[in-house]
Structures are given as structure tokens and as C-alpha cells.
């Protein structure tokens, strides 16, 4: 029968915590926006109904970066919710870069 020593228990706990921390960090790391991918997604799914006139209106519905993201999220749900957070981030960043130029929040 083997004996566990206090040091073995501490090392095992530290190793388990390290594995958890690495897994958690990878799962929650923010996605850097890819505007090229955002453009492709937008053109493929939204471009047929939207043109530059939608984003170039005098009276804009999106008044900041968060508003753009909210509109992208809303229309994603209206169209069945196929995009996840990464795709929404990419499309939001593309629209902001192309049409709006608002100050970017953390997810950019």
C-alpha cells in the first residue's frame, strides 16, 4: 500500500488547478475580430437585402459600436441564429470599419 504525503497531495491539486486554468482560459479567451471574414459573412447572408444606403443613412439606428453589435445580433436571431459570438464579432467589426468608424469596445 502506498502512502500519500502532504507534498503529493499539494502537487496533485496544483496540477489539477493548472489544467483547469488552462482549459478555462482557452474557453473564455476573446476572439480577435477578423474583418475579412466579417465581410464574407455579411455579403453571403446580408448583402442581398442590404446595401450601402442602409448604413449610410442620415438618421442612423446604430449610434456606437455596441449598437452595431446589437443590430447584428438581432438580425442573426431573426434569420435563425446561425452565427455564434465569433461570427457576430467579425461582422460587427467589418461593418464598423467599412461604414461607421465608431470607437471600438473590448471585443474588437
Protein backbone atom coordinates (compact mmCIF):
# COMPACT_ATOMS: atom_id res chain seq x y z
CA UNK A 1 0.00 0.00 0.00
CA UNK A 2 1.46 3.36 -0.94
CA UNK A 3 1.41 6.31 1.34
CA UNK A 4 0.39 9.74 0.14
CA UNK A 5 2.39 12.54 1.55
CA UNK A 6 1.22 16.09 2.01
CA UNK A 7 3.54 17.22 -0.80
CA UNK A 8 2.00 14.68 -3.19
CA UNK A 9 -1.50 15.96 -2.42
CA UNK A 10 -0.43 19.56 -2.90
CA UNK A 11 1.29 18.74 -6.20
CA UNK A 12 -1.76 16.82 -7.43
CA UNK A 13 -4.05 19.71 -6.52
CA UNK A 14 -1.76 22.24 -8.17
CA UNK A 15 -1.59 20.15 -11.33
CA UNK A 16 -5.38 19.81 -11.43
CA UNK A 17 -5.79 23.56 -10.90
CA UNK A 18 -3.29 24.29 -13.68
CA UNK A 19 -5.15 22.02 -16.13
CA UNK A 20 -8.44 23.69 -15.15
CA UNK A 21 -6.98 27.19 -15.51
CA UNK A 22 -5.51 26.50 -18.95
CA UNK A 23 -8.80 24.96 -20.13
CA UNK A 24 -10.82 27.84 -18.70
CA UNK A 25 -8.55 30.47 -20.23
CA UNK A 26 -8.74 28.86 -23.65
CA UNK A 27 -12.52 28.58 -23.48
CA UNK A 28 -13.06 32.19 -22.42
CA UNK A 29 -10.38 33.92 -24.44
CA UNK A 30 -11.76 36.71 -26.57
CA UNK A 31 -11.89 36.28 -30.29
CA UNK A 32 -9.90 38.88 -32.21
CA UNK A 33 -12.18 40.26 -34.90
CA UNK A 34 -11.48 39.19 -38.47
CA UNK A 35 -12.95 41.88 -40.73
CA UNK A 36 -12.21 39.88 -43.89
CA UNK A 37 -14.27 37.01 -42.55
CA UNK A 38 -16.91 39.50 -41.37
CA UNK A 39 -17.16 40.94 -44.87
CA UNK A 40 -17.60 37.49 -46.40
CA UNK A 41 -20.25 36.51 -43.84
CA UNK A 42 -22.11 39.79 -44.32
CA UNK A 43 -22.07 39.60 -48.10
CA UNK A 44 -23.17 35.98 -48.09
CA UNK A 45 -26.03 36.40 -45.63
CA UNK A 46 -27.00 40.08 -45.54
CA UNK A 47 -25.77 41.71 -48.74
CA UNK A 48 -28.73 40.64 -50.83
CA UNK A 49 -31.15 42.81 -48.83
CA UNK A 50 -28.77 45.46 -47.50
CA UNK A 51 -26.81 47.95 -49.49
CA UNK A 52 -24.61 50.86 -48.57
CA UNK A 53 -27.72 53.01 -48.31
CA UNK A 54 -28.78 51.11 -45.16
CA UNK A 55 -25.56 52.02 -43.39
CA UNK A 56 -25.15 55.47 -44.93
CA UNK A 57 -28.48 56.94 -43.84
CA UNK A 58 -28.54 60.40 -42.31
CA UNK A 59 -30.50 59.10 -39.32
CA UNK A 60 -28.62 56.00 -38.20
CA UNK A 61 -30.09 53.42 -35.84
CA UNK A 62 -26.59 52.41 -34.68
CA UNK A 63 -25.01 55.27 -32.77
CA UNK A 64 -21.97 53.42 -31.40
CA UNK A 65 -20.09 50.14 -31.68
CA UNK A 66 -22.34 48.37 -29.19
CA UNK A 67 -25.40 49.38 -31.21
CA UNK A 68 -23.89 47.83 -34.35
CA UNK A 69 -23.31 44.60 -32.46
CA UNK A 70 -26.86 44.68 -31.09
CA UNK A 71 -28.29 45.05 -34.61
CA UNK A 72 -26.10 42.26 -35.98
CA UNK A 73 -27.20 40.03 -33.07
CA UNK A 74 -30.86 40.93 -33.58
CA UNK A 75 -30.82 40.12 -37.29
CA UNK A 76 -28.86 36.95 -36.63
CA UNK A 77 -31.74 35.78 -34.43
CA UNK A 78 -34.34 36.95 -36.97
CA UNK A 79 -32.62 34.78 -39.58
CA UNK A 80 -32.42 31.68 -37.43
CA UNK A 81 -29.42 32.34 -35.20
CA UNK A 82 -26.81 30.52 -37.31
CA UNK A 83 -23.94 32.74 -36.17
CA UNK A 84 -22.12 32.39 -32.87
CA UNK A 85 -20.31 35.13 -30.97
CA UNK A 86 -17.20 34.93 -33.16
CA UNK A 87 -19.17 35.47 -36.36
CA UNK A 88 -21.15 38.32 -34.79
CA UNK A 89 -17.88 39.91 -33.64
CA UNK A 90 -16.40 39.61 -37.14
CA UNK A 91 -19.45 41.08 -38.91
CA UNK A 92 -19.71 43.89 -36.36
CA UNK A 93 -16.04 44.78 -36.81
CA UNK A 94 -16.40 44.71 -40.61
CA UNK A 95 -19.46 46.99 -40.59
CA UNK A 96 -17.78 49.38 -38.18
CA UNK A 97 -14.62 49.51 -40.26
CA UNK A 98 -16.48 49.88 -43.57
CA UNK A 99 -19.33 52.23 -42.68
CA UNK A 100 -19.20 53.68 -39.17
CA UNK A 101 -15.73 54.18 -37.65
CA UNK A 102 -17.01 54.27 -34.08
CA UNK A 103 -14.65 53.82 -31.16
CA UNK A 104 -14.25 50.11 -30.69
CA UNK A 105 -15.12 48.32 -27.49
CA UNK A 106 -13.19 45.44 -25.92
CA UNK A 107 -14.30 42.75 -28.39
CA UNK A 108 -12.62 44.36 -31.40
